[in-house]
Amino acid sequence: HAYVAIAEPSVRAACEAKGIDPGGPLAGE
């Protein structure tokens, strides 16, 4: 349950670090 709670912000941080649009399809990676 705790990991689900950090899923969204951790994905946004990863997208920023890797040059991915967090709202685009590639964020699915």
PDB file of all heavy atoms in Angstrom:
ATOM      1  N   HIS A   1       0.836  -1.204   0.000  1.00  0.00           N
ATOM      2  CA  HIS A   1       0.000   0.000   0.000  1.00  0.00           C
ATOM      3  C   HIS A   1       0.873   1.257   0.000  1.00  0.00           C
ATOM      4  O   HIS A   1       0.570   2.238  -0.687  1.00  0.00           O
ATOM      5  CB  HIS A   1      -0.927  -0.001   1.214  1.00  0.00           C
ATOM      6  CG  HIS A   1      -2.002  -1.052   1.150  1.00  0.00           C
ATOM      7  ND1 HIS A   1      -3.031  -1.010   0.234  1.00  0.00           N
ATOM      8  CD2 HIS A   1      -2.182  -2.183   1.874  1.00  0.00           C
ATOM      9  CE1 HIS A   1      -3.819  -2.077   0.391  1.00  0.00           C
ATOM     10  NE2 HIS A   1      -3.322  -2.796   1.383  1.00  0.00           N
ATOM     11  N   ALA A   2       1.964   1.209   0.739  1.00  0.00           N
ATOM     12  CA  ALA A   2       2.840   2.375   0.811  1.00  0.00           C
ATOM     13  C   ALA A   2       3.525   2.630  -0.525  1.00  0.00           C
ATOM     14  O   ALA A   2       3.745   3.797  -0.901  1.00  0.00           O
ATOM     15  CB  ALA A   2       3.877   2.174   1.922  1.00  0.00           C
ATOM     16  N   TYR A   3       3.855   1.558  -1.256  1.00  0.00           N
ATOM     17  CA  TYR A   3       4.519   1.765  -2.544  1.00  0.00           C
ATOM     18  C   TYR A   3       3.546   2.360  -3.561  1.00  0.00           C
ATOM     19  O   TYR A   3       3.935   3.203  -4.386  1.00  0.00           O
ATOM     20  CB  TYR A   3       5.119   0.464  -3.083  1.00  0.00           C
ATOM     21  CG  TYR A   3       6.364   0.723  -3.896  1.00  0.00           C
ATOM     22  CD1 TYR A   3       7.625   0.674  -3.313  1.00  0.00           C
ATOM     23  CD2 TYR A   3       6.288   1.098  -5.237  1.00  0.00           C
ATOM     24  CE1 TYR A   3       8.772   0.968  -4.033  1.00  0.00           C
ATOM     25  CE2 TYR A   3       7.428   1.383  -5.969  1.00  0.00           C
ATOM     26  CZ  TYR A   3       8.667   1.320  -5.358  1.00  0.00           C
ATOM     27  OH  TYR A   3       9.781   1.631  -6.075  1.00  0.00           O
ATOM     28  N   VAL A   4       2.296   1.944  -3.514  1.00  0.00           N
ATOM     29  CA  VAL A   4       1.303   2.534  -4.408  1.00  0.00           C
ATOM     30  C   VAL A   4       1.190   4.039  -4.145  1.00  0.00           C
ATOM     31  O   VAL A   4       1.038   4.839  -5.075  1.00  0.00           O
ATOM     32  CB  VAL A   4      -0.065   1.842  -4.227  1.00  0.00           C
ATOM     33  CG1 VAL A   4      -1.167   2.603  -4.954  1.00  0.00           C
ATOM     34  CG2 VAL A   4      -0.009   0.411  -4.742  1.00  0.00           C
ATOM     35  N   ALA A   5       1.332   4.439  -2.887  1.00  0.00           N
ATOM     36  CA  ALA A   5       1.210   5.852  -2.535  1.00  0.00           C
ATOM     37  C   ALA A   5       2.335   6.700  -3.123  1.00  0.00           C
ATOM     38  O   ALA A   5       2.140   7.895  -3.402  1.00  0.00           O
ATOM     39  CB  ALA A   5       1.176   6.005  -1.014  1.00  0.00           C
ATOM     40  N   ILE A   6       3.515   6.115  -3.332  1.00  0.00           N
ATOM     41  CA  ILE A   6       4.623   6.912  -3.891  1.00  0.00           C
ATOM     42  C   ILE A   6       4.780   6.687  -5.400  1.00  0.00           C
ATOM     43  O   ILE A   6       5.696   7.236  -6.013  1.00  0.00           O
ATOM     44  CB  ILE A   6       5.963   6.613  -3.165  1.00  0.00           C
ATOM     45  CG1 ILE A   6       6.383   5.145  -3.321  1.00  0.00           C
ATOM     46  CG2 ILE A   6       5.880   7.024  -1.714  1.00  0.00           C
ATOM     47  CD1 ILE A   6       7.458   4.874  -4.305  1.00  0.00           C
ATOM     48  N   ALA A   7       3.892   5.892  -5.982  1.00  0.00           N
ATOM     49  CA  ALA A   7       4.028   5.545  -7.405  1.00  0.00           C
ATOM     50  C   ALA A   7       4.025   6.788  -8.286  1.00  0.00           C
ATOM     51  O   ALA A   7       4.948   6.999  -9.096  1.00  0.00           O
ATOM     52  CB  ALA A   7       2.919   4.591  -7.822  1.00  0.00           C
ATOM     53  N   GLU A   8       3.006   7.613  -8.152  1.00  0.00           N
ATOM     54  CA  GLU A   8       2.868   8.790  -9.029  1.00  0.00           C
ATOM     55  C   GLU A   8       4.056   9.742  -8.908  1.00  0.00           C
ATOM     56  O   GLU A   8       4.690  10.081  -9.920  1.00  0.00           O
ATOM     57  CB  GLU A   8       1.563   9.524  -8.709  1.00  0.00           C
ATOM     58  CG  GLU A   8       1.310  10.747  -9.567  1.00  0.00           C
ATOM     59  CD  GLU A   8       0.573  10.432 -10.857  1.00  0.00           C
ATOM     60  OE1 GLU A   8      -0.369   9.626 -10.806  1.00  0.00           O
ATOM     61  OE2 GLU A   8       0.966  10.988 -11.899  1.00  0.00           O
ATOM     62  N   PRO A   9       4.408  10.207  -7.705  1.00  0.00           N
ATOM     63  CA  PRO A   9       5.538  11.156  -7.630  1.00  0.00           C
ATOM     64  C   PRO A   9       6.879  10.534  -8.035  1.00  0.00           C
ATOM     65  O   PRO A   9       7.723  11.223  -8.618  1.00  0.00           O
ATOM     66  CB  PRO A   9       5.543  11.598  -6.159  1.00  0.00           C
ATOM     67  CG  PRO A   9       4.769  10.559  -5.426  1.00  0.00           C
ATOM     68  CD  PRO A   9       3.759  10.045  -6.393  1.00  0.00           C
ATOM     69  N   SER A  10       7.081   9.248  -7.764  1.00  0.00           N
ATOM     70  CA  SER A  10       8.353   8.629  -8.157  1.00  0.00           C
ATOM     71  C   SER A  10       8.448   8.488  -9.672  1.00  0.00           C
ATOM     72  O   SER A  10       9.530   8.660 -10.247  1.00  0.00           O
ATOM     73  CB  SER A  10       8.529   7.262  -7.482  1.00  0.00           C
ATOM     74  OG  SER A  10       7.627   6.304  -7.988  1.00  0.00           O
ATOM     75  N   VAL A  11       7.332   8.220 -10.331  1.00  0.00           N
ATOM     76  CA  VAL A  11       7.327   8.142 -11.789  1.00  0.00           C
ATOM     77  C   VAL A  11       7.581   9.515 -12.400  1.00  0.00           C
ATOM     78  O   VAL A  11       8.331   9.658 -13.366  1.00  0.00           O
ATOM     79  CB  VAL A  11       6.003   7.540 -12.303  1.00  0.00           C
ATOM     80  CG1 VAL A  11       5.827   7.777 -13.799  1.00  0.00           C
ATOM     81  CG2 VAL A  11       5.943   6.043 -12.004  1.00  0.00           C
ATOM     82  N   ARG A  12       6.979  10.546 -11.822  1.00  0.00           N
ATOM     83  CA  ARG A  12       7.208  11.903 -12.334  1.00  0.00           C
ATOM     84  C   ARG A  12       8.691  12.281 -12.215  1.00  0.00           C
ATOM     85  O   ARG A  12       9.269  12.886 -13.128  1.00  0.00           O
ATOM     86  CB  ARG A  12       6.344  12.920 -11.583  1.00  0.00           C
ATOM     87  CG  ARG A  12       4.854  12.790 -11.856  1.00  0.00           C
ATOM     88  CD  ARG A  12       4.078  13.963 -11.251  1.00  0.00           C
ATOM     89  NE  ARG A  12       4.290  15.171 -12.014  1.00  0.00           N
ATOM     90  CZ  ARG A  12       3.578  15.530 -13.089  1.00  0.00           C
ATOM     91  NH1 ARG A  12       2.607  14.754 -13.523  1.00  0.00           N
ATOM     92  NH2 ARG A  12       3.838  16.648 -13.716  1.00  0.00           N
ATOM     93  N   ALA A  13       9.308  11.910 -11.102  1.00  0.00           N
ATOM     94  CA  ALA A  13      10.729  12.211 -10.908  1.00  0.00           C
ATOM     95  C   ALA A  13      11.584  11.467 -11.935  1.00  0.00           C
ATOM     96  O   ALA A  13      12.546  12.030 -12.486  1.00  0.00           O
ATOM     97  CB  ALA A  13      11.147  11.835  -9.488  1.00  0.00           C
ATOM     98  N   ALA A  14      11.235  10.217 -12.200  1.00  0.00           N
ATOM     99  CA  ALA A  14      11.985   9.429 -13.184  1.00  0.00           C
ATOM    100  C   ALA A  14      11.831  10.019 -14.581  1.00  0.00           C
ATOM    101  O   ALA A  14      12.802  10.106 -15.345  1.00  0.00           O
ATOM    102  CB  ALA A  14      11.512   7.981 -13.164  1.00  0.00           C
ATOM    103  N   CYS A  15      10.615  10.414 -14.918  1.00  0.00           N
ATOM    104  CA  CYS A  15      10.382  11.017 -16.239  1.00  0.00           C
ATOM    105  C   CYS A  15      11.202  12.289 -16.409  1.00  0.00           C
ATOM    106  O   CYS A  15      11.790  12.529 -17.469  1.00  0.00           O
ATOM    107  CB  CYS A  15       8.889  11.318 -16.419  1.00  0.00           C
ATOM    108  SG  CYS A  15       7.856   9.850 -16.663  1.00  0.00           S
ATOM    109  N   GLU A  16      11.252  13.113 -15.370  1.00  0.00           N
ATOM    110  CA  GLU A  16      12.027  14.346 -15.452  1.00  0.00           C
ATOM    111  C   GLU A  16      13.510  14.030 -15.651  1.00  0.00           C
ATOM    112  O   GLU A  16      14.185  14.651 -16.479  1.00  0.00           O
ATOM    113  CB  GLU A  16      11.840  15.171 -14.183  1.00  0.00           C
ATOM    114  CG  GLU A  16      12.599  16.482 -14.221  1.00  0.00           C
ATOM    115  CD  GLU A  16      12.334  17.346 -13.001  1.00  0.00           C
ATOM    116  OE1 GLU A  16      11.389  17.058 -12.254  1.00  0.00           O
ATOM    117  OE2 GLU A  16      13.105  18.307 -12.806  1.00  0.00           O
ATOM    118  N   ALA A  17      14.008  13.040 -14.926  1.00  0.00           N
ATOM    119  CA  ALA A  17      15.429  12.698 -15.012  1.00  0.00           C
ATOM    120  C   ALA A  17      15.800  12.127 -16.376  1.00  0.00           C
ATOM    121  O   ALA A  17      16.934  12.292 -16.837  1.00  0.00           O
ATOM    122  CB  ALA A  17      15.789  11.698 -13.916  1.00  0.00           C
ATOM    123  N   LYS A  18      14.829  11.484 -17.029  1.00  0.00           N
ATOM    124  CA  LYS A  18      15.116  10.800 -18.287  1.00  0.00           C
ATOM    125  C   LYS A  18      14.601  11.564 -19.522  1.00  0.00           C
ATOM    126  O   LYS A  18      14.685  11.056 -20.642  1.00  0.00           O
ATOM    127  CB  LYS A  18      14.516   9.391 -18.259  1.00  0.00           C
ATOM    128  CG  LYS A  18      15.140   8.510 -17.177  1.00  0.00           C
ATOM    129  CD  LYS A  18      14.542   7.106 -17.156  1.00  0.00           C
ATOM    130  CE  LYS A  18      15.192   6.255 -16.077  1.00  0.00           C
ATOM    131  NZ  LYS A  18      14.689   4.860 -16.077  1.00  0.00           N
ATOM    132  N   GLY A  19      14.053  12.749 -19.297  1.00  0.00           N
ATOM    133  CA  GLY A  19      13.596  13.554 -20.428  1.00  0.00           C
ATOM    134  C   GLY A  19      12.310  13.058 -21.052  1.00  0.00           C
ATOM    135  O   GLY A  19      12.120  13.177 -22.272  1.00  0.00           O
ATOM    136  N   ILE A  20      11.398  12.501 -20.232  1.00  0.00           N
ATOM    137  CA  ILE A  20      10.132  11.950 -20.713  1.00  0.00           C
ATOM    138  C   ILE A  20       8.985  12.860 -20.270  1.00  0.00           C
ATOM    139  O   ILE A  20       8.977  13.347 -19.130  1.00  0.00           O
ATOM    140  CB  ILE A  20       9.914  10.527 -20.149  1.00  0.00           C
ATOM    141  CG1 ILE A  20      11.002   9.573 -20.655  1.00  0.00           C
ATOM    142  CG2 ILE A  20       8.532   9.989 -20.501  1.00  0.00           C
ATOM    143  CD1 ILE A  20      10.977   8.212 -19.971  1.00  0.00           C
ATOM    144  N   ASP A  21       8.008  13.086 -21.141  1.00  0.00           N
ATOM    145  CA  ASP A  21       6.792  13.818 -20.773  1.00  0.00           C
ATOM    146  C   ASP A  21       5.983  12.953 -19.809  1.00  0.00           C
ATOM    147  O   ASP A  21       5.500  11.876 -20.195  1.00  0.00           O
ATOM    148  CB  ASP A  21       5.974  14.116 -22.030  1.00  0.00           C
ATOM    149  CG  ASP A  21       4.631  14.767 -21.718  1.00  0.00           C
ATOM    150  OD1 ASP A  21       4.374  15.098 -20.537  1.00  0.00           O
ATOM    151  OD2 ASP A  21       3.819  14.913 -22.660  1.00  0.00           O
ATOM    152  N   PRO A  22       5.814  13.369 -18.543  1.00  0.00           N
ATOM    153  CA  PRO A  22       5.097  12.523 -17.575  1.00  0.00           C
ATOM    154  C   PRO A  22       3.629  12.316 -17.919  1.00  0.00           C
ATOM    155  O   PRO A  22       2.992  11.409 -17.391  1.00  0.00           O
ATOM    156  CB  PRO A  22       5.255  13.277 -16.253  1.00  0.00           C
ATOM    157  CG  PRO A  22       5.557  14.685 -16.638  1.00  0.00           C
ATOM    158  CD  PRO A  22       6.288  14.619 -17.937  1.00  0.00           C
ATOM    159  N   GLY A  23       3.094  13.143 -18.836  1.00  0.00           N
ATOM    160  CA  GLY A  23       1.708  12.971 -19.249  1.00  0.00           C
ATOM    161  C   GLY A  23       1.557  12.239 -20.570  1.00  0.00           C
ATOM    162  O   GLY A  23       0.434  12.023 -21.040  1.00  0.00           O
ATOM    163  N   GLY A  24       2.680  11.839 -21.170  1.00  0.00           N
ATOM    164  CA  GLY A  24       2.639  11.183 -22.471  1.00  0.00           C
ATOM    165  C   GLY A  24       2.694   9.668 -22.365  1.00  0.00           C
ATOM    166  O   GLY A  24       2.922   9.099 -21.285  1.00  0.00           O
ATOM    167  N   PRO A  25       2.508   8.970 -23.506  1.00  0.00           N
ATOM    168  CA  PRO A  25       2.518   7.504 -23.497  1.00  0.00           C
ATOM    169  C   PRO A  25       3.816   6.904 -22.970  1.00  0.00           C
ATOM    170  O   PRO A  25       3.807   5.865 -22.311  1.00  0.00           O
ATOM    171  CB  PRO A  25       2.309   7.138 -24.975  1.00  0.00           C
ATOM    172  CG  PRO A  25       1.681   8.336 -25.599  1.00  0.00           C
ATOM    173  CD  PRO A  25       2.218   9.511 -24.850  1.00  0.00           C
ATOM    174  N   LEU A  26       4.950   7.573 -23.249  1.00  0.00           N
ATOM    175  CA  LEU A  26       6.250   7.009 -22.885  1.00  0.00           C
ATOM    176  C   LEU A  26       6.432   6.915 -21.366  1.00  0.00           C
ATOM    177  O   LEU A  26       7.263   6.130 -20.889  1.00  0.00           O
ATOM    178  CB  LEU A  26       7.367   7.855 -23.495  1.00  0.00           C
ATOM    179  CG  LEU A  26       8.643   7.121 -23.929  1.00  0.00           C
ATOM    180  CD1 LEU A  26       8.321   5.988 -24.889  1.00  0.00           C
ATOM    181  CD2 LEU A  26       9.613   8.103 -24.564  1.00  0.00           C
ATOM    182  N   ALA A  27       5.648   7.691 -20.610  1.00  0.00           N
ATOM    183  CA  ALA A  27       5.719   7.581 -19.148  1.00  0.00           C
ATOM    184  C   ALA A  27       5.326   6.183 -18.681  1.00  0.00           C
ATOM    185  O   ALA A  27       5.693   5.770 -17.577  1.00  0.00           O
ATOM    186  CB  ALA A  27       4.812   8.625 -18.498  1.00  0.00           C
ATOM    187  N   GLY A  28       4.620   5.466 -19.538  1.00  0.00           N
ATOM    188  CA  GLY A  28       4.246   4.090 -19.193  1.00  0.00           C
ATOM    189  C   GLY A  28       5.453   3.198 -18.930  1.00  0.00           C
ATOM    190  O   GLY A  28       5.367   2.239 -18.156  1.00  0.00           O
ATOM    191  N   GLU A  29       6.590   3.510 -19.574  1.00  0.00           N
ATOM    192  CA  GLU A  29       7.814   2.746 -19.295  1.00  0.00           C
ATOM    193  C   GLU A  29       8.141   2.772 -17.814  1.00  0.00           C
ATOM    194  O   GLU A  29       8.498   1.745 -17.219  1.00  0.00           O
ATOM    195  CB  GLU A  29       8.998   3.347 -20.060  1.00  0.00           C
ATOM    196  CG  GLU A  29       9.046   3.033 -21.524  1.00  0.00           C
ATOM    197  CD  GLU A  29      10.349   3.533 -22.156  1.00  0.00           C
ATOM    198  OE1 GLU A  29      11.210   4.094 -21.449  1.00  0.00           O
ATOM    199  OE2 GLU A  29      10.489   3.347 -23.374  1.00  0.00           O
TER     200      GLU A  29
END
